[in-house]
Amino acid sequence: MCIGIPGKVLSVGEDIHQMAEVEVCGVKRGVNIALVCEGDPAGLVGQWVLVHVGFAMSVIDEVEAQETLMALEQIGGLEPVQTN
């Protein structure tokens, strides 16, 4: 089973070949956005994405992201999540 963890895109490079900075459970990490970027990468800043092994697999809305984080926390897959 593969699980995507929601993360919020904080910044992007000039094109899809540069890693985006995504906050996943309070940790900032580099993520490849090539699979979800359909134009100017700057349009992804502030968006939520599902991250799996360093790749953004899909763009999701904030409600789905928060629900997924809470579900993962409840099954013991995550530490308690800080929501802003």
Protein backbone atom coordinates (compact mmCIF):
# COMPACT_ATOMS: atom_id res chain seq x y z
CA MET A 1 0.00 0.00 0.00
CA CYS A 2 1.26 3.47 -0.88
CA ILE A 3 0.33 6.45 1.24
CA GLY A 4 0.61 10.04 0.10
CA ILE A 5 1.18 12.55 2.88
CA PRO A 6 -0.34 16.02 2.41
CA GLY A 7 2.10 18.88 2.20
CA LYS A 8 1.76 22.60 1.47
CA VAL A 9 3.88 24.08 -1.31
CA LEU A 10 5.94 26.95 0.12
CA SER A 11 8.12 27.86 -2.85
CA VAL A 12 9.02 26.65 -6.33
CA GLY A 13 11.87 27.08 -8.78
CA GLU A 14 11.71 28.70 -12.19
CA ASP A 15 10.57 25.50 -13.90
CA ILE A 16 9.37 21.97 -13.13
CA HIS A 17 12.90 20.60 -13.17
CA GLN A 18 13.76 22.40 -9.93
CA MET A 19 12.61 21.06 -6.58
CA ALA A 20 9.79 22.82 -4.78
CA GLU A 21 9.95 23.42 -1.02
CA VAL A 22 6.98 21.70 0.61
CA GLU A 23 6.07 21.60 4.29
CA VAL A 24 5.08 18.08 5.28
CA CYS A 25 4.00 17.63 8.91
CA GLY A 26 6.03 20.64 10.01
CA VAL A 27 9.17 19.61 8.12
CA LYS A 28 10.32 21.43 4.99
CA ARG A 29 11.62 19.19 2.23
CA GLY A 30 12.40 19.25 -1.46
CA VAL A 31 9.71 17.70 -3.63
CA ASN A 32 9.55 17.07 -7.37
CA ILE A 33 6.46 18.80 -8.83
CA ALA A 34 6.81 17.66 -12.45
CA LEU A 35 3.83 15.29 -12.21
CA VAL A 36 1.36 17.94 -11.00
CA CYS A 37 2.54 21.17 -12.62
CA GLU A 38 0.41 22.16 -15.60
CA GLY A 39 1.87 25.57 -16.39
CA ASP A 40 3.74 28.15 -14.38
CA PRO A 41 5.14 26.49 -11.23
CA ALA A 42 4.37 29.66 -9.25
CA GLY A 43 0.69 28.68 -9.45
CA LEU A 44 1.38 25.82 -7.03
CA VAL A 45 2.62 28.06 -4.20
CA GLY A 46 0.11 27.82 -1.36
CA GLN A 47 -1.51 24.67 -2.81
CA TRP A 48 -1.70 21.32 -1.00
CA VAL A 49 -0.23 18.25 -2.68
CA LEU A 50 -0.04 14.55 -1.81
CA VAL A 51 3.64 13.62 -1.47
CA HIS A 52 4.98 10.10 -1.93
CA VAL A 53 8.71 9.29 -1.97
CA GLY A 54 9.68 12.86 -2.85
CA PHE A 55 7.14 13.39 -5.63
CA ALA A 56 3.96 15.45 -5.57
CA MET A 57 1.43 12.94 -6.91
CA SER A 58 -1.70 15.12 -7.00
CA VAL A 59 -3.04 18.51 -5.98
CA ILE A 60 -5.71 18.41 -3.27
CA ASP A 61 -7.77 21.02 -1.47
CA GLU A 62 -7.04 22.09 2.10
CA VAL A 63 -10.08 20.30 3.55
CA GLU A 64 -8.97 16.97 2.07
CA ALA A 65 -5.41 17.63 3.27
CA GLN A 66 -6.51 18.29 6.86
CA GLU A 67 -8.86 15.28 6.89
CA THR A 68 -6.07 13.03 5.61
CA LEU A 69 -3.60 14.34 8.20
CA MET A 70 -6.12 13.76 11.02
CA ALA A 71 -6.89 10.24 9.76
CA LEU A 72 -3.18 9.36 9.61
CA GLU A 73 -2.72 10.75 13.12
CA GLN A 74 -5.61 8.64 14.43
CA ILE A 75 -4.18 5.40 13.05
CA GLY A 76 -0.80 6.22 14.54
CA GLY A 77 0.89 7.04 11.27
CA LEU A 78 1.82 10.57 12.30
CA GLU A 79 2.71 12.60 15.33
CA PRO A 80 -0.02 15.08 16.35
CA VAL A 81 -0.45 17.61 13.54
CA GLN A 82 -0.24 21.34 14.12
CA THR A 83 -2.88 23.17 12.07
CA ASN A 84 -2.75 26.90 11.36
